[in-house]
C-alpha atoms as a PDB file:
ATOM      1  CA  UNK A   1      -1.307  50.683   2.469  1.00  0.00           C
ATOM      2  CA  UNK A   2      -0.582  47.263   1.187  1.00  0.00           C
ATOM      3  CA  UNK A   3      -2.203  44.702   3.604  1.00  0.00           C
ATOM      4  CA  UNK A   4      -0.202  41.439   4.976  1.00  0.00           C
ATOM      5  CA  UNK A   5       3.133  40.387   2.434  1.00  0.00           C
ATOM      6  CA  UNK A   6       3.151  38.488  -0.411  1.00  0.00           C
ATOM      7  CA  UNK A   7       0.584  36.104  -1.343  1.00  0.00           C
ATOM      8  CA  UNK A   8       1.008  31.761  -1.177  1.00  0.00           C
ATOM      9  CA  UNK A   9      -1.014  32.425  -4.948  1.00  0.00           C
ATOM     10  CA  UNK A  10       1.939  33.679  -6.412  1.00  0.00           C
ATOM     11  CA  UNK A  11       5.934  34.740  -6.346  1.00  0.00           C
ATOM     12  CA  UNK A  12       5.410  38.287  -7.288  1.00  0.00           C
ATOM     13  CA  UNK A  13       6.343  40.712  -5.680  1.00  0.00           C
ATOM     14  CA  UNK A  14       3.418  42.585  -6.588  1.00  0.00           C
ATOM     15  CA  UNK A  15       0.869  39.330  -5.205  1.00  0.00           C
ATOM     16  CA  UNK A  16      -0.485  40.568  -1.988  1.00  0.00           C
ATOM     17  CA  UNK A  17      -3.121  38.656   0.072  1.00  0.00           C
ATOM     18  CA  UNK A  18      -6.141  41.112   1.096  1.00  0.00           C
ATOM     19  CA  UNK A  19      -8.179  41.730   4.930  1.00  0.00           C
ATOM     20  CA  UNK A  20     -10.221  38.912   4.162  1.00  0.00           C
ATOM     21  CA  UNK A  21      -8.243  36.604   2.618  1.00  0.00           C
ATOM     22  CA  UNK A  22      -8.327  37.444  -1.034  1.00  0.00           C
ATOM     23  CA  UNK A  23      -5.269  37.465  -2.825  1.00  0.00           C
ATOM     24  CA  UNK A  24      -4.984  40.820  -5.289  1.00  0.00           C
ATOM     25  CA  UNK A  25      -2.015  42.543  -7.537  1.00  0.00           C
ATOM     26  CA  UNK A  26      -1.625  45.648  -7.076  1.00  0.00           C
ATOM     27  CA  UNK A  27      -0.890  46.396 -10.769  1.00  0.00           C
ATOM     28  CA  UNK A  28      -3.466  48.926 -10.309  1.00  0.00           C
ATOM     29  CA  UNK A  29      -1.015  50.912  -8.656  1.00  0.00           C
ATOM     30  CA  UNK A  30       1.512  51.964 -10.780  1.00  0.00           C
ATOM     31  CA  UNK A  31      -0.819  52.440 -13.968  1.00  0.00           C
ATOM     32  CA  UNK A  32      -3.065  55.092 -11.644  1.00  0.00           C
ATOM     33  CA  UNK A  33       0.388  56.458 -11.404  1.00  0.00           C
ATOM     34  CA  UNK A  34       1.627  56.934 -14.741  1.00  0.00           C
ATOM     35  CA  UNK A  35      -2.512  57.708 -15.835  1.00  0.00           C
ATOM     36  CA  UNK A  36      -2.158  60.933 -13.283  1.00  0.00           C
ATOM     37  CA  UNK A  37       1.297  62.219 -13.512  1.00  0.00           C
ATOM     38  CA  UNK A  38       0.641  62.393 -17.306  1.00  0.00           C
ATOM     39  CA  UNK A  39      -2.273  63.727 -17.109  1.00  0.00           C
ATOM     40  CA  UNK A  40      -2.173  66.419 -14.692  1.00  0.00           C
ATOM     41  CA  UNK A  41      -0.850  68.492 -17.826  1.00  0.00           C
ATOM     42  CA  UNK A  42       1.899  70.730 -14.667  1.00  0.00           C
ATOM     43  CA  UNK A  43       5.473  69.897 -14.320  1.00  0.00           C
ATOM     44  CA  UNK A  44       4.934  70.106 -10.498  1.00  0.00           C
ATOM     45  CA  UNK A  45       2.790  67.943 -10.139  1.00  0.00           C
ATOM     46  CA  UNK A  46       3.710  65.492 -12.471  1.00  0.00           C
ATOM     47  CA  UNK A  47       6.740  65.798 -10.333  1.00  0.00           C
ATOM     48  CA  UNK A  48       5.147  65.399  -6.723  1.00  0.00           C
ATOM     49  CA  UNK A  49       3.070  62.664  -7.742  1.00  0.00           C
ATOM     50  CA  UNK A  50       5.984  60.058  -9.788  1.00  0.00           C
ATOM     51  CA  UNK A  51       7.733  61.186  -6.855  1.00  0.00           C
ATOM     52  CA  UNK A  52       4.993  59.431  -4.738  1.00  0.00           C
ATOM     53  CA  UNK A  53       5.074  57.000  -6.454  1.00  0.00           C
ATOM     54  CA  UNK A  54       8.479  55.606  -6.251  1.00  0.00           C
ATOM     55  CA  UNK A  55       8.913  56.082  -2.631  1.00  0.00           C
ATOM     56  CA  UNK A  56       5.070  53.868  -2.543  1.00  0.00           C
ATOM     57  CA  UNK A  57       6.432  51.471  -4.890  1.00  0.00           C
ATOM     58  CA  UNK A  58      10.123  50.749  -2.601  1.00  0.00           C
ATOM     59  CA  UNK A  59       7.350  50.240   0.368  1.00  0.00           C
ATOM     60  CA  UNK A  60       5.480  47.613  -1.176  1.00  0.00           C
ATOM     61  CA  UNK A  61       8.360  45.708  -1.720  1.00  0.00           C
ATOM     62  CA  UNK A  62      10.547  46.304   1.205  1.00  0.00           C
ATOM     63  CA  UNK A  63       8.049  47.247   4.018  1.00  0.00           C
ATOM     64  CA  UNK A  64       8.145  46.539   7.205  1.00  0.00           C
ATOM     65  CA  UNK A  65       5.562  46.573  10.271  1.00  0.00           C
ATOM     66  CA  UNK A  66       5.821  49.330  11.485  1.00  0.00           C
ATOM     67  CA  UNK A  67       3.104  52.179  11.539  1.00  0.00           C
ATOM     68  CA  UNK A  68       3.316  55.857  12.482  1.00  0.00           C
ATOM     69  CA  UNK A  69       6.303  58.906  11.926  1.00  0.00           C
ATOM     70  CA  UNK A  70       6.865  58.169  15.644  1.00  0.00           C
ATOM     71  CA  UNK A  71       8.254  54.211  14.563  1.00  0.00           C
ATOM     72  CA  UNK A  72       9.874  55.138  11.760  1.00  0.00           C
ATOM     73  CA  UNK A  73      11.945  58.246  12.420  1.00  0.00           C
ATOM     74  CA  UNK A  74      13.489  56.069  15.816  1.00  0.00           C
ATOM     75  CA  UNK A  75      13.804  53.957  13.631  1.00  0.00           C
ATOM     76  CA  UNK A  76      15.930  56.441  11.791  1.00  0.00           C
ATOM     77  CA  UNK A  77      17.784  58.092  14.733  1.00  0.00           C
ATOM     78  CA  UNK A  78      19.373  54.778  15.775  1.00  0.00           C
ATOM     79  CA  UNK A  79      21.008  54.243  11.570  1.00  0.00           C
ATOM     80  CA  UNK A  80      18.302  52.416  10.264  1.00  0.00           C
ATOM     81  CA  UNK A  81      16.703  53.662   7.063  1.00  0.00           C
ATOM     82  CA  UNK A  82      13.086  52.181   7.216  1.00  0.00           C
ATOM     83  CA  UNK A  83      10.290  52.446   4.093  1.00  0.00           C
ATOM     84  CA  UNK A  84       8.737  54.755   6.320  1.00  0.00           C
ATOM     85  CA  UNK A  85      11.487  57.089   6.099  1.00  0.00           C
ATOM     86  CA  UNK A  86      11.555  56.407   2.245  1.00  0.00           C
ATOM     87  CA  UNK A  87       8.285  58.307   1.713  1.00  0.00           C
ATOM     88  CA  UNK A  88       8.561  60.528   4.770  1.00  0.00           C
ATOM     89  CA  UNK A  89      11.505  62.291   3.413  1.00  0.00           C
ATOM     90  CA  UNK A  90      11.277  60.938  -0.158  1.00  0.00           C
ATOM     91  CA  UNK A  91       7.710  62.746  -1.098  1.00  0.00           C
ATOM     92  CA  UNK A  92       7.556  65.522   1.877  1.00  0.00           C
ATOM     93  CA  UNK A  93      10.574  66.919   0.076  1.00  0.00           C
ATOM     94  CA  UNK A  94       9.070  66.725  -3.467  1.00  0.00           C
ATOM     95  CA  UNK A  95       6.063  67.737  -2.390  1.00  0.00           C
ATOM     96  CA  UNK A  96       8.257  71.049  -1.278  1.00  0.00           C
ATOM     97  CA  UNK A  97       9.743  71.410  -5.054  1.00  0.00           C
ATOM     98  CA  UNK A  98       6.149  70.803  -6.688  1.00  0.00           C
ATOM     99  CA  UNK A  99       4.764  73.470  -4.149  1.00  0.00           C
ATOM    100  CA  UNK A 100       7.951  75.561  -4.853  1.00  0.00           C
ATOM    101  CA  UNK A 101       7.457  75.629  -8.009  1.00  0.00           C
ATOM    102  CA  UNK A 102       3.041  75.745  -8.405  1.00  0.00           C
ATOM    103  CA  UNK A 103       3.384  79.622  -5.988  1.00  0.00           C
ATOM    104  CA  UNK A 104       5.941  82.225  -5.752  1.00  0.00           C
ATOM    105  CA  UNK A 105       5.054  83.631  -2.057  1.00  0.00           C
ATOM    106  CA  UNK A 106       7.728  81.481  -0.334  1.00  0.00           C
ATOM    107  CA  UNK A 107       4.889  81.310   2.585  1.00  0.00           C
ATOM    108  CA  UNK A 108       2.164  79.498  -0.001  1.00  0.00           C
ATOM    109  CA  UNK A 109       4.908  77.390  -1.520  1.00  0.00           C
ATOM    110  CA  UNK A 110       5.398  75.689   1.973  1.00  0.00           C
ATOM    111  CA  UNK A 111       1.425  75.835   2.149  1.00  0.00           C
ATOM    112  CA  UNK A 112       1.417  74.336  -1.438  1.00  0.00           C
ATOM    113  CA  UNK A 113       4.055  71.517  -0.255  1.00  0.00           C
ATOM    114  CA  UNK A 114       1.981  70.650   3.581  1.00  0.00           C
ATOM    115  CA  UNK A 115      -0.768  70.550   1.326  1.00  0.00           C
ATOM    116  CA  UNK A 116       0.420  68.367  -1.677  1.00  0.00           C
ATOM    117  CA  UNK A 117       2.406  65.587   0.848  1.00  0.00           C
ATOM    118  CA  UNK A 118      -0.071  65.467   3.938  1.00  0.00           C
ATOM    119  CA  UNK A 119      -3.202  64.640   0.923  1.00  0.00           C
ATOM    120  CA  UNK A 120      -0.278  61.719  -0.336  1.00  0.00           C
ATOM    121  CA  UNK A 121      -0.594  60.720   3.831  1.00  0.00           C
ATOM    122  CA  UNK A 122      -4.200  60.497   4.236  1.00  0.00           C
ATOM    123  CA  UNK A 123      -4.919  58.709   0.663  1.00  0.00           C
ATOM    124  CA  UNK A 124      -3.074  56.542   2.132  1.00  0.00           C
ATOM    125  CA  UNK A 125      -4.139  56.152   5.623  1.00  0.00           C
ATOM    126  CA  UNK A 126      -7.576  55.512   4.333  1.00  0.00           C
ATOM    127  CA  UNK A 127      -6.587  53.193   1.950  1.00  0.00           C
ATOM    128  CA  UNK A 128      -7.378  50.106   4.746  1.00  0.00           C
ATOM    129  CA  UNK A 129     -10.421  49.130   2.911  1.00  0.00           C
ATOM    130  CA  UNK A 130     -11.173  47.871  -0.854  1.00  0.00           C
ATOM    131  CA  UNK A 131     -12.539  50.926  -2.381  1.00  0.00           C
ATOM    132  CA  UNK A 132     -11.413  53.946   0.005  1.00  0.00           C
ATOM    133  CA  UNK A 133      -9.000  55.256  -0.893  1.00  0.00           C
ATOM    134  CA  UNK A 134     -10.451  55.607  -4.778  1.00  0.00           C
ATOM    135  CA  UNK A 135     -13.341  56.917  -2.705  1.00  0.00           C
ATOM    136  CA  UNK A 136     -11.552  59.874  -1.369  1.00  0.00           C
ATOM    137  CA  UNK A 137      -9.503  60.935  -4.259  1.00  0.00           C
ATOM    138  CA  UNK A 138     -13.004  61.616  -5.313  1.00  0.00           C
ATOM    139  CA  UNK A 139     -14.105  63.555  -2.654  1.00  0.00           C
ATOM    140  CA  UNK A 140     -11.106  65.190  -2.529  1.00  0.00           C
ATOM    141  CA  UNK A 141     -11.316  66.329  -6.088  1.00  0.00           C
ATOM    142  CA  UNK A 142     -14.700  67.049  -7.120  1.00  0.00           C
ATOM    143  CA  UNK A 143     -14.200  70.600  -5.241  1.00  0.00           C
ATOM    144  CA  UNK A 144     -11.160  71.429  -7.305  1.00  0.00           C
ATOM    145  CA  UNK A 145     -13.358  70.681 -11.165  1.00  0.00           C
ATOM    146  CA  UNK A 146     -15.230  74.408 -10.710  1.00  0.00           C
ATOM    147  CA  UNK A 147     -11.399  76.188 -10.701  1.00  0.00           C
ATOM    148  CA  UNK A 148      -9.399  73.666 -13.578  1.00  0.00           C
ATOM    149  CA  UNK A 149      -8.891  71.309 -15.328  1.00  0.00           C
ATOM    150  CA  UNK A 150      -5.993  69.509 -12.348  1.00  0.00           C
ATOM    151  CA  UNK A 151      -7.969  67.166 -10.512  1.00  0.00           C
ATOM    152  CA  UNK A 152      -8.982  65.741 -13.309  1.00  0.00           C
ATOM    153  CA  UNK A 153      -6.555  63.241 -13.380  1.00  0.00           C
ATOM    154  CA  UNK A 154      -6.339  61.875 -10.359  1.00  0.00           C
ATOM    155  CA  UNK A 155     -10.110  62.095  -9.949  1.00  0.00           C
ATOM    156  CA  UNK A 156     -10.249  59.567 -14.040  1.00  0.00           C
ATOM    157  CA  UNK A 157      -7.650  57.215 -13.220  1.00  0.00           C
ATOM    158  CA  UNK A 158      -9.063  56.527  -9.513  1.00  0.00           C
ATOM    159  CA  UNK A 159     -12.126  55.817 -11.380  1.00  0.00           C
ATOM    160  CA  UNK A 160     -10.572  53.537 -13.985  1.00  0.00           C
ATOM    161  CA  UNK A 161      -9.538  51.276 -10.899  1.00  0.00           C
ATOM    162  CA  UNK A 162     -12.251  51.781  -8.840  1.00  0.00           C
ATOM    163  CA  UNK A 163     -14.649  48.456  -9.352  1.00  0.00           C
ATOM    164  CA  UNK A 164     -11.624  46.234 -10.167  1.00  0.00           C
ATOM    165  CA  UNK A 165     -10.203  47.978  -6.359  1.00  0.00           C
ATOM    166  CA  UNK A 166     -14.040  47.563  -5.089  1.00  0.00           C
ATOM    167  CA  UNK A 167     -14.893  43.795  -6.464  1.00  0.00           C
ATOM    168  CA  UNK A 168     -11.055  43.129  -5.010  1.00  0.00           C
ATOM    169  CA  UNK A 169      -9.348  41.516  -8.147  1.00  0.00           C
ATOM    170  CA  UNK A 170      -6.846  45.089  -7.579  1.00  0.00           C
ATOM    171  CA  UNK A 171      -5.498  47.414  -4.736  1.00  0.00           C
ATOM    172  CA  UNK A 172      -3.476  50.203  -5.253  1.00  0.00           C
ATOM    173  CA  UNK A 173      -0.835  49.523  -2.929  1.00  0.00           C
ATOM    174  CA  UNK A 174       0.844  52.004  -1.642  1.00  0.00           C
ATOM    175  CA  UNK A 175       2.088  53.072  -5.027  1.00  0.00           C
ATOM    176  CA  UNK A 176      -1.110  53.933  -5.946  1.00  0.00           C
ATOM    177  CA  UNK A 177      -2.902  55.142  -2.984  1.00  0.00           C
ATOM    178  CA  UNK A 178       0.298  58.354  -2.635  1.00  0.00           C
ATOM    179  CA  UNK A 179      -0.029  58.931  -5.866  1.00  0.00           C
ATOM    180  CA  UNK A 180      -3.122  59.298  -6.312  1.00  0.00           C
ATOM    181  CA  UNK A 181      -2.639  62.138  -2.842  1.00  0.00           C
ATOM    182  CA  UNK A 182      -0.124  63.446  -4.694  1.00  0.00           C
ATOM    183  CA  UNK A 183      -1.908  64.226  -7.766  1.00  0.00           C
ATOM    184  CA  UNK A 184      -4.980  65.649  -6.053  1.00  0.00           C
ATOM    185  CA  UNK A 185      -2.951  68.028  -3.621  1.00  0.00           C
ATOM    186  CA  UNK A 186      -0.946  69.400  -6.371  1.00  0.00           C
ATOM    187  CA  UNK A 187      -4.486  69.945  -7.873  1.00  0.00           C
ATOM    188  CA  UNK A 188      -5.749  71.533  -4.562  1.00  0.00           C
ATOM    189  CA  UNK A 189      -2.284  73.628  -4.286  1.00  0.00           C
ATOM    190  CA  UNK A 190      -2.545  74.621  -7.662  1.00  0.00           C
ATOM    191  CA  UNK A 191      -6.212  76.392  -7.433  1.00  0.00           C
ATOM    192  CA  UNK A 192      -6.054  77.558  -3.621  1.00  0.00           C
ATOM    193  CA  UNK A 193      -4.319  81.334  -2.984  1.00  0.00           C
ATOM    194  CA  UNK A 194      -2.881  81.047   0.907  1.00  0.00           C
ATOM    195  CA  UNK A 195      -6.471  80.957   2.458  1.00  0.00           C
ATOM    196  CA  UNK A 196      -7.433  77.863   0.952  1.00  0.00           C
ATOM    197  CA  UNK A 197      -4.480  76.758   1.065  1.00  0.00           C
ATOM    198  CA  UNK A 198      -4.079  77.304   5.023  1.00  0.00           C
ATOM    199  CA  UNK A 199      -7.664  75.481   5.645  1.00  0.00           C
ATOM    200  CA  UNK A 200      -6.731  72.927   3.500  1.00  0.00           C
ATOM    201  CA  UNK A 201      -3.119  72.050   5.705  1.00  0.00           C
ATOM    202  CA  UNK A 202      -4.599  72.805   8.715  1.00  0.00           C
ATOM    203  CA  UNK A 203      -7.059  69.735   8.331  1.00  0.00           C
ATOM    204  CA  UNK A 204      -4.897  66.984   6.953  1.00  0.00           C
ATOM    205  CA  UNK A 205      -2.547  68.014   9.312  1.00  0.00           C
ATOM    206  CA  UNK A 206      -5.043  67.162  11.694  1.00  0.00           C
ATOM    207  CA  UNK A 207      -5.768  63.528   9.938  1.00  0.00           C
ATOM    208  CA  UNK A 208      -2.189  63.558   9.316  1.00  0.00           C
ATOM    209  CA  UNK A 209      -1.954  63.482  14.111  1.00  0.00           C
ATOM    210  CA  UNK A 210      -4.746  61.751  14.328  1.00  0.00           C
ATOM    211  CA  UNK A 211      -2.605  58.977  11.825  1.00  0.00           C
ATOM    212  CA  UNK A 212      -0.202  58.734  14.589  1.00  0.00           C
ATOM    213  CA  UNK A 213      -2.564  58.225  17.790  1.00  0.00           C
ATOM    214  CA  UNK A 214      -4.644  55.532  15.911  1.00  0.00           C
ATOM    215  CA  UNK A 215      -0.861  54.343  14.737  1.00  0.00           C
ATOM    216  CA  UNK A 216       0.745  54.666  18.355  1.00  0.00           C
ATOM    217  CA  UNK A 217      -2.273  53.372  19.906  1.00  0.00           C
ATOM    218  CA  UNK A 218      -2.709  49.760  18.170  1.00  0.00           C
ATOM    219  CA  UNK A 219       1.258  49.754  18.907  1.00  0.00           C
ATOM    220  CA  UNK A 220       0.891  49.801  22.192  1.00  0.00           C
ATOM    221  CA  UNK A 221      -3.266  49.070  23.611  1.00  0.00           C
ATOM    222  CA  UNK A 222      -3.589  50.209  26.707  1.00  0.00           C
ATOM    223  CA  UNK A 223      -4.822  47.113  29.717  1.00  0.00           C
END
């Protein structure tokens, strides 16, 4: 999640002012997305990662101040296609397509898609301070290493930029956060059976619901 608008330190679309008022670049976002996609070793996962990165990049460049699914869907009903709606629909569709290619049974296909899209959303949701998104990817991906190597790609990409992110010299932006989230979600989806998919999907839906409540609360504070 990008913080602030274009930095006064430069005119580049890929510069931002972070939470502490420092000028940082967003170049780690595309770099981690490409690294995670290339290293995934899975066509379906790479598809989801690149689609998530593209939608995130659109939001990084064109994003507005609105937060939460409800606000973007309300705008869509009024005929306005916001960058949030592009992410919601684009990442959701790509995730379901990837899930359909990863699994054989219809229920598992849908659950896999939910896990991929939900993971992309979760990593972006926690990306509000330096290093949090990268650390979330490492935490989410670590258990999957015992079941296969798909999680190694997003974990490696996150590790590569963690120092620069913590040092507030760069930030992932929506491009990197969504892409890394989709990559680790793809690893989770590929490595789990139905029970595992159900458990992860339930947790991710709960996290999304909390994020929506938080966004609504911030937009309409009580008192």
